[in-house]
Protein backbone atom coordinates (compact mmCIF):
# COMPACT_ATOMS: atom_id res chain seq x y z
CA MET A 1 87.19 126.44 32.51
CA HIS A 2 85.71 129.34 34.18
CA ARG A 3 83.54 131.56 32.28
CA SER A 4 85.05 135.20 31.49
CA CYS A 5 85.20 137.32 34.38
CA THR A 6 84.52 140.30 31.62
CA TYR A 7 81.41 142.29 31.97
CA LYS A 8 79.81 144.20 29.15
CA ILE A 9 80.24 147.66 29.90
CA LEU A 10 77.86 149.79 27.83
CA SER A 11 78.00 153.46 27.19
CA VAL A 12 75.94 154.87 30.10
CA PHE A 13 79.14 153.89 31.92
CA LEU A 14 80.53 157.21 30.03
CA LEU A 15 77.68 159.45 31.49
CA VAL A 16 78.17 157.94 35.20
CA VAL A 17 81.26 160.08 36.33
CA ALA A 18 83.07 163.05 34.76
CA VAL A 19 86.50 163.07 33.67
CA CYS A 20 89.37 165.01 35.63
CA PRO A 21 92.73 165.70 34.80
CA HIS A 22 94.45 165.21 38.20
CA ARG A 23 95.30 161.75 38.67
CA VAL A 24 97.20 160.06 42.03
CA VAL A 25 97.09 156.49 43.02
CA ALA A 26 94.28 155.35 45.03
CA GLN A 27 95.12 153.26 48.41
CA PRO A 28 94.56 149.38 48.00
CA VAL A 29 91.54 149.92 50.32
CA ALA A 30 89.73 152.30 47.65
CA THR A 31 86.45 149.85 47.43
CA GLN A 32 87.22 147.80 50.18
CA PRO A 33 84.28 147.57 52.47
CA ALA A 34 83.96 148.71 56.17
CA SER A 35 82.92 145.43 57.72
CA GLN A 36 84.03 141.72 56.67
CA PRO A 37 82.55 138.16 57.30
CA GLY A 38 85.72 137.24 59.44
CA ASN A 39 84.77 134.11 61.63
CA THR A 40 81.59 133.29 59.78
CA LEU A 41 83.32 132.21 56.56
CA PRO A 42 82.67 128.19 56.79
CA ILE A 43 78.99 129.11 57.60
CA LEU A 44 78.64 131.45 54.61
CA LEU A 45 80.55 129.12 52.44
CA ALA A 46 78.17 126.32 53.03
CA GLU A 47 75.11 128.58 52.75
CA LEU A 48 75.98 129.12 49.13
CA ALA A 49 74.98 125.49 48.65
CA SER A 50 71.83 125.87 50.52
CA ASP A 51 68.32 124.75 48.80
CA SER A 52 67.10 128.21 49.72
CA ALA A 53 67.64 130.89 47.07
CA THR A 54 67.33 133.42 49.93
CA VAL A 55 69.89 131.90 52.24
CA ARG A 56 72.36 131.80 48.94
CA ARG A 57 71.70 135.45 48.05
CA GLU A 58 72.30 136.69 51.76
CA ALA A 59 75.21 134.50 51.75
CA ARG A 60 76.70 135.84 48.68
CA ARG A 61 75.99 139.71 49.66
CA LEU A 62 77.95 138.85 52.74
CA LEU A 63 80.99 137.14 50.94
CA LEU A 64 81.09 140.37 48.36
CA ARG A 65 82.24 142.27 51.46
CA MET A 66 85.34 140.13 52.31
CA THR A 67 89.03 141.86 52.40
CA ARG A 68 91.83 140.63 50.81
CA ASP A 69 92.79 138.61 54.00
CA ASP A 70 89.31 136.86 53.88
CA LEU A 71 90.38 135.63 50.54
CA VAL A 72 93.50 134.03 52.18
CA ARG A 73 91.06 132.24 54.73
CA LEU A 74 88.74 131.32 51.86
CA GLN A 75 91.40 129.63 49.98
CA ARG A 76 92.39 127.89 52.96
CA LEU A 77 89.15 126.55 53.26
CA ILE A 78 88.42 125.55 49.80
CA GLN A 79 92.02 123.83 50.01
CA ALA A 80 90.74 121.90 52.80
CA GLY A 81 87.85 120.81 50.98
CA GLU A 82 84.90 122.98 51.81
CA GLY A 83 83.06 124.91 49.14
CA ARG A 84 83.83 122.51 46.21
CA HIS A 85 80.16 121.82 44.81
CA PRO A 86 79.81 122.82 41.40
CA SER A 87 77.05 125.51 42.48
CA GLN A 88 79.40 127.12 44.78
CA ARG A 89 82.35 127.38 42.42
CA GLN A 90 80.60 129.63 39.90
CA ALA A 91 79.19 131.98 42.89
CA LEU A 92 82.89 132.00 44.20
CA PHE A 93 84.28 132.91 40.79
CA ASP A 94 82.01 135.84 40.92
CA ILE A 95 82.94 136.77 44.60
CA VAL A 96 86.53 136.04 44.51
CA CYS A 97 87.00 138.37 41.08
CA HIS A 98 84.90 141.22 42.67
CA VAL A 99 86.90 141.12 46.23
CA PHE A 100 90.23 140.82 44.22
CA LEU A 101 89.52 144.07 42.52
CA ALA A 102 87.44 145.92 45.14
CA THR A 103 91.15 145.76 47.06
CA GLU A 104 93.36 146.39 44.02
CA PRO A 105 94.81 150.05 43.73
CA TYR A 106 93.83 151.77 41.02
CA GLU A 107 94.52 155.42 39.50
CA SER A 108 91.86 157.74 40.81
CA ILE A 109 90.46 161.08 40.69
CA PRO A 110 90.28 162.12 44.47
CA ASP A 111 87.59 164.56 44.62
CA VAL A 112 85.21 162.74 42.04
CA SER A 113 83.08 160.20 43.51
CA PHE A 114 81.81 156.85 41.54
CA PHE A 115 79.06 154.24 41.82
CA GLY A 116 80.11 151.61 39.38
CA ILE A 117 76.97 151.49 37.52
CA SER A 118 77.30 150.71 33.80
CA GLN A 119 74.09 150.41 32.61
CA TYR A 120 70.52 151.40 33.45
CA ARG A 121 67.32 152.68 31.91
CA PRO A 122 64.37 154.99 33.15
CA VAL A 123 61.28 153.10 34.03
CA THR A 124 57.84 154.06 35.67
CA VAL A 125 56.57 151.99 38.75
CA GLY A 126 52.91 153.03 39.27
CA GLU A 127 52.96 156.88 39.02
CA ARG A 128 56.71 157.13 40.21
CA ALA A 129 59.62 157.58 37.83
CA GLY A 130 62.70 155.35 38.87
CA LEU A 131 65.82 153.45 37.18
CA ALA A 132 66.35 150.04 36.38
CA PHE A 133 69.92 148.63 37.15
CA GLN A 134 70.92 146.69 34.20
CA GLY A 135 74.70 146.28 34.57
CA ARG A 136 77.42 147.27 37.24
CA LEU A 137 81.18 147.21 37.07
CA ILE A 138 82.66 144.20 39.10
CA GLY A 139 85.11 145.28 41.78
CA PHE A 140 83.22 148.94 42.42
CA PRO A 141 80.38 149.54 45.21
CA ALA A 142 77.38 148.99 43.17
CA TYR A 143 78.30 145.35 42.17
CA ALA A 144 78.17 144.31 46.14
CA ALA A 145 75.16 146.45 46.73
CA LEU A 146 72.62 146.10 44.20
CA GLU A 147 71.39 143.28 41.91
CA GLU A 148 70.72 143.30 38.41
CA GLY A 149 66.93 144.05 38.00
CA ASP A 150 66.93 146.27 41.13
CA ILE A 151 64.65 149.81 40.46
CA LEU A 152 65.82 152.82 42.02
CA LEU A 153 62.82 154.55 43.47
CA ALA A 154 64.64 157.53 45.53
CA VAL A 155 68.07 158.55 46.77
CA VAL A 156 67.16 159.35 50.51
CA GLU A 157 69.52 162.22 50.51
CA ARG A 158 68.58 163.42 47.38
CA PRO A 159 64.63 163.28 47.03
CA ASP A 160 64.39 166.19 44.55
CA VAL A 161 66.39 164.44 41.82
CA ASP A 162 64.27 163.73 38.65
CA PHE A 163 64.76 160.05 37.18
CA LEU A 164 63.46 161.14 33.89
CA GLY A 165 65.67 164.07 33.57
CA VAL A 166 69.23 164.28 31.70
CA GLN A 167 71.89 162.02 33.71
CA PRO A 168 69.98 161.61 37.00
CA LEU A 169 72.85 159.78 38.35
CA GLU A 170 75.48 162.16 37.34
CA THR A 171 73.09 164.72 39.34
CA VAL A 172 73.43 162.60 42.34
CA ARG A 173 76.81 161.98 42.29
CA ARG A 174 78.14 165.41 41.89
CA GLY A 175 76.39 165.71 45.34
CA PHE A 176 78.56 163.82 47.22
CA LYS A 177 82.30 162.90 47.76
CA PRO A 178 84.26 159.44 47.60
CA GLY A 179 84.01 158.02 51.17
CA GLU A 180 80.63 159.26 51.79
CA THR A 181 77.44 156.91 52.18
CA ILE A 182 74.13 157.46 50.36
CA HIS A 183 70.91 155.51 50.77
CA LEU A 184 69.02 154.05 48.01
CA ARG A 185 65.51 153.08 48.43
CA ILE A 186 64.92 150.12 45.91
CA LEU A 187 62.30 147.70 44.59
CA ARG A 188 63.67 144.22 44.88
CA ASP A 189 61.28 141.13 44.25
CA ASP A 190 58.25 143.49 44.80
CA LYS A 191 59.78 144.67 48.15
CA VAL A 192 60.84 148.06 48.76
CA LEU A 193 64.62 148.45 50.82
CA THR A 194 66.55 150.90 51.67
CA ILE A 195 70.45 149.99 50.34
CA PRO A 196 73.55 151.91 51.85
CA LEU A 197 75.84 152.49 49.17
CA THR A 198 79.55 154.00 49.97
CA LEU A 199 80.59 156.07 46.97
CA VAL A 200 84.42 155.77 46.05
CA ALA A 201 86.98 157.83 43.76
CA SER A 202 86.32 157.68 40.15
CA PRO A 203 88.99 155.78 38.17
CA THR A 204 90.99 158.21 35.84
CA TRP A 205 90.01 155.77 32.98
CA SER A 206 86.39 156.72 33.13
CA GLY A 207 85.26 157.78 29.55
CA ARG A 208 87.84 155.51 27.90
CA GLY A 209 87.56 152.57 30.15
CA ILE A 210 86.43 149.59 28.31
CA GLU A 211 89.87 148.27 27.60
CA GLN A 212 91.47 149.12 31.22
CA GLN A 213 88.34 147.72 33.13
CA SER A 214 88.80 144.62 30.93
CA LEU A 215 92.28 144.29 31.58
CA ARG A 216 91.43 144.63 35.49
CA GLU A 217 88.82 141.64 35.07
CA GLN A 218 91.54 139.65 33.51
CA GLN A 219 93.88 140.05 36.24
CA ALA A 220 91.06 139.17 38.50
CA ALA A 221 90.51 135.78 36.62
CA GLU A 222 94.13 135.21 36.44
CA HIS A 223 93.89 135.30 40.09
CA TRP A 224 91.16 133.02 40.55
CA GLU A 225 93.22 130.49 38.21
CA ARG A 226 96.28 130.66 40.01
CA GLN A 227 94.92 130.52 43.52
CA PHE A 228 91.48 128.72 43.59
CA GLU A 229 90.65 126.82 40.38
CA PRO A 230 93.17 123.96 41.04
CA PHE A 231 91.38 123.06 44.24
CA PHE A 232 88.11 122.45 42.02
CA ARG A 233 90.23 120.53 39.28
CA ASP A 234 91.44 117.94 42.01
CA ALA A 235 87.82 117.49 43.19
CA THR A 236 86.77 116.24 39.76
CA ASP A 237 90.06 114.24 39.04
């Protein structure tokens, strides 16, 4: 049986977005990435089983950008016998759950932006202050763009933000609208990277969203059970 798709949502999530009384139903592509793997799917699927951790990480990063149509293509590849190694299965479970949720409609606040970061803490890197990311909400931009353990050193568009201040991500968020892309300077594996992150509209259930997010994640897990898990069971019979 697969492990639960539910990710622990800690109290910092309540600080990431503001609650607004106006509610609308977001479009199905609200958190869907602008680009997609397309015809490279067979290659990326095979690379999930690579001996190289770097190759596996890059394949996962690109697969997290899939569209809902790509999920159908991925299902056909797995049905045909590709990607059924146990190491691929666990990675694919997370990827499929994320893409399913990233392309699923949700009630949103159209003018309030959202990262999808559930937990972080202030840290010091040399003489610089930063934020260490420890949790991301599956189905939202930070899950695909960031990795747990990443340390935020700067926001290119907001170099003035004090990461040791009160609610620094809230300060950043307020300066940008859904659909705008910001660039995060990240320390990852002792390397400084610049990572683009496109903000989305805040869900209306922020601030009381543990139950709602859990329901979303349950839906994603059920989608995996119906559309993908049977092929892995066949492979072990």
